[in-house]
Amino acid sequence: MSSEKKRLLVLLGPTAVGKSGAAVRIAKAVGAEIINCDSMQVYKGFDIGTDTISENEREGIPHHLLNFIEPDTQFTAADFVRHAVDAISIIRAAGRLPLITGGTGLYVQALIDGLFPEGAKNPSIRRALEEERASLGLETLWMRLVEVDPAYAQKIDPHDGVRIIRALEVHRITGIPFSRHLPMTRSAVQDYDVLKIGLRMNRDLLYARIERRVDRMYAEGIIRETRTLLDSGVPAGAPPFRALGYKHVVALLEGKRNEEEAVLLTKRDSRRYAKRQMTWFRKMKGVLWFDAQDVHAVITTVCEHFGLKDKQGPSFHRDGTV
């Protein structure tokens, strides 16, 4: 593939829509390797709460950028771009198609459209903002971001302290809203033929899948996993503990809520997160949307777009379900 036109496949969709399973089926059919684009699945040891695809479920397909970062490390969009570019090069050198999949829209945007360089940093400003967060609360910083950069504020979660503080830091350093820096950056894959595929599902069906996933997490031992991670020395404030699957379990272990409350709150937050994801992805240009249960149609489109042959053959796709 290295001698051919550079190709990149991106598979998007909200949480619980079935991206991981679909990605494996697509990879087997078109000769691809998968690059994880979930901001929490990059961390080591956080498997149940992030619903990380198991070794068995990968069916021999190599997965990159999965479970490779220490949990006390802040992994940024810029970090993702750097590692993703390296993984893309490795996959292409092996003569295979890079397939990026995950639900972190900011990471996809950073790779395809570019992101403000990490160079604009000021430790004293960052420290002052962290102190303001501790004394005044994150909501105060959020309202400040709404005032100075409403465009970026609309794109991120009001509870995402990392991105709120980063945007305020950039604004203080440069005097320019963070959102205005974004269009001026260079895409890391601007010379690639990028095909963006989105998976969607009826809202009621998706919400039912989300609730079943949360029930499965608790049945599989997310409380035990969280306790083990904390006992091993991972601080409760570590980045992956902000993931939807963990933050209410941490509160449970701290005696702030019971298991029933933790389950209900996780389901609620996951539904809200799925809605925000779809809002983000709908604004992304050039995405071809498919019913999540019609993976065969996705494979056909990928083959036609890139001029590839379905390695599994038509008999493999009997019902098209995920």
Foldseek 3Di string as FASTA:
>chain_A
DVVDQFAAEEEEAAPLLCFQLLVLLLCQFFVEAEEEDAQQQLAALQPLLVVDDDPVSSVPGHYHSGRNDHQQDDQDLVNLLVRVLVVSVVRVVVVGYYYYYDLDLVNVCCQAQNFQDPPQDDVVLLVVVVVCCVPVNLLVLLVVLCVQPVPVSLLDDSPPSVVSSVQVSNCVRPVHGRVVRRNVGDHNPNSYDYAAEYEDEDLVVSLVSLLVSLVVSVVVPVLVSLVVCVVVPNDCPGVSCVRLSHVLSVCCVVVNDPPVVSSVSSSVVSSVRSVSSVVSVVPDPNYHYDHSQQSVVVSVVVCVVVVGGGPVDPVVCDDSGD
